[in-house]
Amino acid sequence: MSAAQVSFDGDIKPLFREKDRSAMRRAFDLWSYGDVQAHAGAIAKHLKDGSMPCDGAWPAERVELFERWVAEGMAQ
């Protein structure tokens, strides 16, 4: 049995806090599907190297969830 497909609205958007959104707002909106989709590669890189969010790295499970969303085609 395979796990359900990861979606932006149900799985990814809730990972980004208001403070994360505010910190990145000058570049793009972390609560916008289109913006996150367009910048997914850069976001994944920064999540993986621990430089995002700026107040501490995500746990590995969250990074893996984001990467899985990208790998599965970034469903909305």
N, C-alpha and C. Protein backbone atom coordinates (compact mmCIF):
# COMPACT_ATOMS: atom_id res chain seq x y z
N MET A 1 0.85 -1.19 0.00
CA MET A 1 0.00 0.00 0.00
C MET A 1 0.89 1.25 0.00
N SER A 2 0.63 2.15 -0.91
CA SER A 2 1.45 3.37 -0.97
C SER A 2 0.79 4.49 -0.16
N ALA A 3 1.62 5.38 0.29
CA ALA A 3 1.13 6.52 1.08
C ALA A 3 0.38 7.48 0.15
N ALA A 4 -0.52 8.24 0.72
CA ALA A 4 -1.28 9.22 -0.05
C ALA A 4 -0.33 10.28 -0.62
N GLN A 5 -0.71 10.81 -1.77
CA GLN A 5 0.11 11.84 -2.40
C GLN A 5 0.18 13.07 -1.50
N VAL A 6 1.34 13.66 -1.44
CA VAL A 6 1.55 14.87 -0.66
C VAL A 6 0.98 16.05 -1.45
N SER A 7 0.23 16.93 -0.77
CA SER A 7 -0.33 18.10 -1.45
C SER A 7 0.16 19.39 -0.77
N PHE A 8 0.17 20.45 -1.54
CA PHE A 8 0.59 21.74 -1.01
C PHE A 8 -0.36 22.20 0.09
N ASP A 9 -1.64 22.25 -0.23
CA ASP A 9 -2.62 22.79 0.72
C ASP A 9 -2.72 21.96 2.00
N GLY A 10 -2.67 20.64 1.87
CA GLY A 10 -2.86 19.78 3.03
C GLY A 10 -1.60 19.47 3.82
N ASP A 11 -0.46 19.46 3.15
CA ASP A 11 0.77 19.00 3.80
C ASP A 11 1.90 20.02 3.87
N ILE A 12 2.10 20.77 2.80
CA ILE A 12 3.28 21.65 2.72
C ILE A 12 3.02 23.03 3.30
N LYS A 13 1.97 23.69 2.88
CA LYS A 13 1.67 25.04 3.38
C LYS A 13 1.64 25.09 4.91
N PRO A 14 1.01 24.10 5.59
CA PRO A 14 0.98 24.16 7.06
C PRO A 14 2.36 24.06 7.73
N LEU A 15 3.37 23.62 7.01
CA LEU A 15 4.72 23.53 7.58
C LEU A 15 5.35 24.91 7.77
N PHE A 16 4.91 25.87 6.96
CA PHE A 16 5.47 27.22 7.01
C PHE A 16 4.69 28.08 7.99
N ARG A 17 5.37 28.59 9.00
CA ARG A 17 4.74 29.43 10.01
C ARG A 17 4.58 30.86 9.49
N GLU A 18 3.77 31.65 10.18
CA GLU A 18 3.60 33.06 9.82
C GLU A 18 4.95 33.77 9.80
N LYS A 19 5.81 33.49 10.79
CA LYS A 19 7.12 34.16 10.84
C LYS A 19 8.00 33.75 9.66
N ASP A 20 7.87 32.51 9.17
CA ASP A 20 8.62 32.09 7.98
C ASP A 20 8.13 32.86 6.76
N ARG A 21 6.81 32.96 6.67
CA ARG A 21 6.20 33.69 5.55
C ARG A 21 6.64 35.15 5.55
N SER A 22 6.60 35.78 6.72
CA SER A 22 7.00 37.19 6.82
C SER A 22 8.47 37.39 6.46
N ALA A 23 9.32 36.47 6.91
CA ALA A 23 10.76 36.59 6.65
C ALA A 23 11.07 36.50 5.15
N MET A 24 10.29 35.72 4.41
CA MET A 24 10.56 35.52 2.99
C MET A 24 9.71 36.37 2.07
N ARG A 25 8.79 37.13 2.62
CA ARG A 25 7.80 37.87 1.83
C ARG A 25 8.44 38.79 0.79
N ARG A 26 9.62 39.33 1.10
CA ARG A 26 10.25 40.24 0.13
C ARG A 26 10.66 39.52 -1.15
N ALA A 27 10.89 38.22 -1.06
CA ALA A 27 11.30 37.43 -2.23
C ALA A 27 10.11 36.70 -2.87
N PHE A 28 9.31 36.03 -2.03
CA PHE A 28 8.13 35.31 -2.48
C PHE A 28 7.29 34.91 -1.28
N ASP A 29 6.08 34.42 -1.56
CA ASP A 29 5.12 34.08 -0.51
C ASP A 29 5.10 32.58 -0.27
N LEU A 30 5.52 32.15 0.93
CA LEU A 30 5.56 30.73 1.26
C LEU A 30 4.16 30.12 1.39
N TRP A 31 3.13 30.91 1.43
CA TRP A 31 1.76 30.38 1.50
C TRP A 31 1.10 30.39 0.13
N SER A 32 1.85 30.74 -0.91
CA SER A 32 1.34 30.74 -2.28
C SER A 32 1.85 29.51 -3.02
N TYR A 33 0.91 28.69 -3.49
CA TYR A 33 1.30 27.49 -4.24
C TYR A 33 2.22 27.84 -5.40
N GLY A 34 1.84 28.83 -6.19
CA GLY A 34 2.64 29.21 -7.36
C GLY A 34 4.04 29.64 -7.00
N ASP A 35 4.17 30.43 -5.94
CA ASP A 35 5.50 30.89 -5.52
C ASP A 35 6.36 29.74 -5.02
N VAL A 36 5.79 28.89 -4.19
CA VAL A 36 6.57 27.77 -3.65
C VAL A 36 6.93 26.80 -4.78
N GLN A 37 6.01 26.56 -5.69
CA GLN A 37 6.30 25.69 -6.83
C GLN A 37 7.44 26.27 -7.66
N ALA A 38 7.40 27.57 -7.93
CA ALA A 38 8.42 28.21 -8.75
C ALA A 38 9.80 28.20 -8.09
N HIS A 39 9.84 28.22 -6.77
CA HIS A 39 11.10 28.29 -6.03
C HIS A 39 11.42 27.00 -5.28
N ALA A 40 10.74 25.91 -5.64
CA ALA A 40 10.86 24.65 -4.89
C ALA A 40 12.30 24.14 -4.80
N GLY A 41 13.05 24.26 -5.87
CA GLY A 41 14.44 23.79 -5.86
C GLY A 41 15.29 24.54 -4.84
N ALA A 42 15.18 25.84 -4.84
CA ALA A 42 15.94 26.66 -3.89
C ALA A 42 15.46 26.43 -2.46
N ILE A 43 14.16 26.32 -2.28
CA ILE A 43 13.62 26.07 -0.94
C ILE A 43 14.13 24.73 -0.42
N ALA A 44 14.07 23.70 -1.25
CA ALA A 44 14.54 22.37 -0.85
C ALA A 44 16.02 22.40 -0.47
N LYS A 45 16.81 23.12 -1.24
CA LYS A 45 18.26 23.22 -0.95
C LYS A 45 18.48 23.85 0.42
N HIS A 46 17.79 24.93 0.69
CA HIS A 46 17.96 25.63 1.97
C HIS A 46 17.38 24.83 3.15
N LEU A 47 16.29 24.12 2.92
CA LEU A 47 15.76 23.27 3.98
C LEU A 47 16.74 22.15 4.30
N LYS A 48 17.32 21.58 3.24
CA LYS A 48 18.23 20.45 3.42
C LYS A 48 19.52 20.86 4.11
N ASP A 49 20.04 22.05 3.77
CA ASP A 49 21.32 22.48 4.39
C ASP A 49 21.10 23.16 5.74
N GLY A 50 19.83 23.31 6.15
CA GLY A 50 19.52 23.85 7.47
C GLY A 50 19.52 25.36 7.57
N SER A 51 19.68 26.06 6.44
CA SER A 51 19.69 27.52 6.47
C SER A 51 18.29 28.13 6.41
N MET A 52 17.30 27.30 6.26
CA MET A 52 15.92 27.75 6.23
C MET A 52 15.11 26.77 7.06
N PRO A 53 14.23 27.22 7.92
CA PRO A 53 14.01 28.61 8.31
C PRO A 53 15.20 29.18 9.09
N CYS A 54 15.22 30.50 9.18
CA CYS A 54 16.39 31.19 9.73
C CYS A 54 16.58 30.97 11.23
N ASP A 55 15.55 30.52 11.93
CA ASP A 55 15.69 30.33 13.39
C ASP A 55 15.96 28.88 13.79
N GLY A 56 16.27 28.04 12.82
CA GLY A 56 16.61 26.65 13.14
C GLY A 56 16.12 25.69 12.07
N ALA A 57 16.90 24.67 11.82
CA ALA A 57 16.58 23.71 10.77
C ALA A 57 15.33 22.89 11.11
N TRP A 58 14.64 22.47 10.06
CA TRP A 58 13.51 21.57 10.21
C TRP A 58 14.02 20.19 10.58
N PRO A 59 13.19 19.40 11.26
CA PRO A 59 13.54 17.99 11.47
C PRO A 59 13.59 17.27 10.11
N ALA A 60 14.35 16.21 10.04
CA ALA A 60 14.52 15.47 8.78
C ALA A 60 13.19 15.05 8.16
N GLU A 61 12.20 14.68 8.99
CA GLU A 61 10.91 14.24 8.44
C GLU A 61 10.23 15.33 7.64
N ARG A 62 10.35 16.58 8.09
CA ARG A 62 9.72 17.69 7.36
C ARG A 62 10.44 17.94 6.04
N VAL A 63 11.76 17.90 6.08
CA VAL A 63 12.54 18.09 4.85
C VAL A 63 12.18 16.99 3.85
N GLU A 64 12.11 15.76 4.33
CA GLU A 64 11.76 14.63 3.46
C GLU A 64 10.36 14.77 2.88
N LEU A 65 9.43 15.29 3.67
CA LEU A 65 8.07 15.51 3.17
C LEU A 65 8.08 16.54 2.05
N PHE A 66 8.83 17.63 2.24
CA PHE A 66 8.92 18.65 1.18
C PHE A 66 9.54 18.05 -0.07
N GLU A 67 10.62 17.29 0.10
CA GLU A 67 11.28 16.67 -1.05
C GLU A 67 10.37 15.67 -1.75
N ARG A 68 9.58 14.95 -0.98
CA ARG A 68 8.63 13.99 -1.57
C ARG A 68 7.58 14.73 -2.38
N TRP A 69 7.10 15.86 -1.86
CA TRP A 69 6.13 16.66 -2.60
C TRP A 69 6.69 17.09 -3.95
N VAL A 70 7.95 17.53 -3.96
CA VAL A 70 8.60 17.93 -5.21
C VAL A 70 8.72 16.73 -6.14
N ALA A 71 9.21 15.61 -5.62
CA ALA A 71 9.42 14.41 -6.43
C ALA A 71 8.12 13.87 -7.03
N GLU A 72 7.01 14.05 -6.31
CA GLU A 72 5.72 13.55 -6.78
C GLU A 72 5.03 14.50 -7.75
N GLY A 73 5.65 15.62 -8.04
CA GLY A 73 5.08 16.53 -9.03
C GLY A 73 4.42 17.78 -8.48
N MET A 74 4.58 18.04 -7.19
CA MET A 74 4.11 19.26 -6.55
C MET A 74 2.60 19.48 -6.69
N ALA A 75 1.83 18.52 -6.24
CA ALA A 75 0.36 18.63 -6.30
C ALA A 75 -0.12 19.79 -5.43
N GLN A 76 -1.15 20.45 -5.93
CA GLN A 76 -1.71 21.56 -5.16
C GLN A 76 -2.58 20.99 -4.07
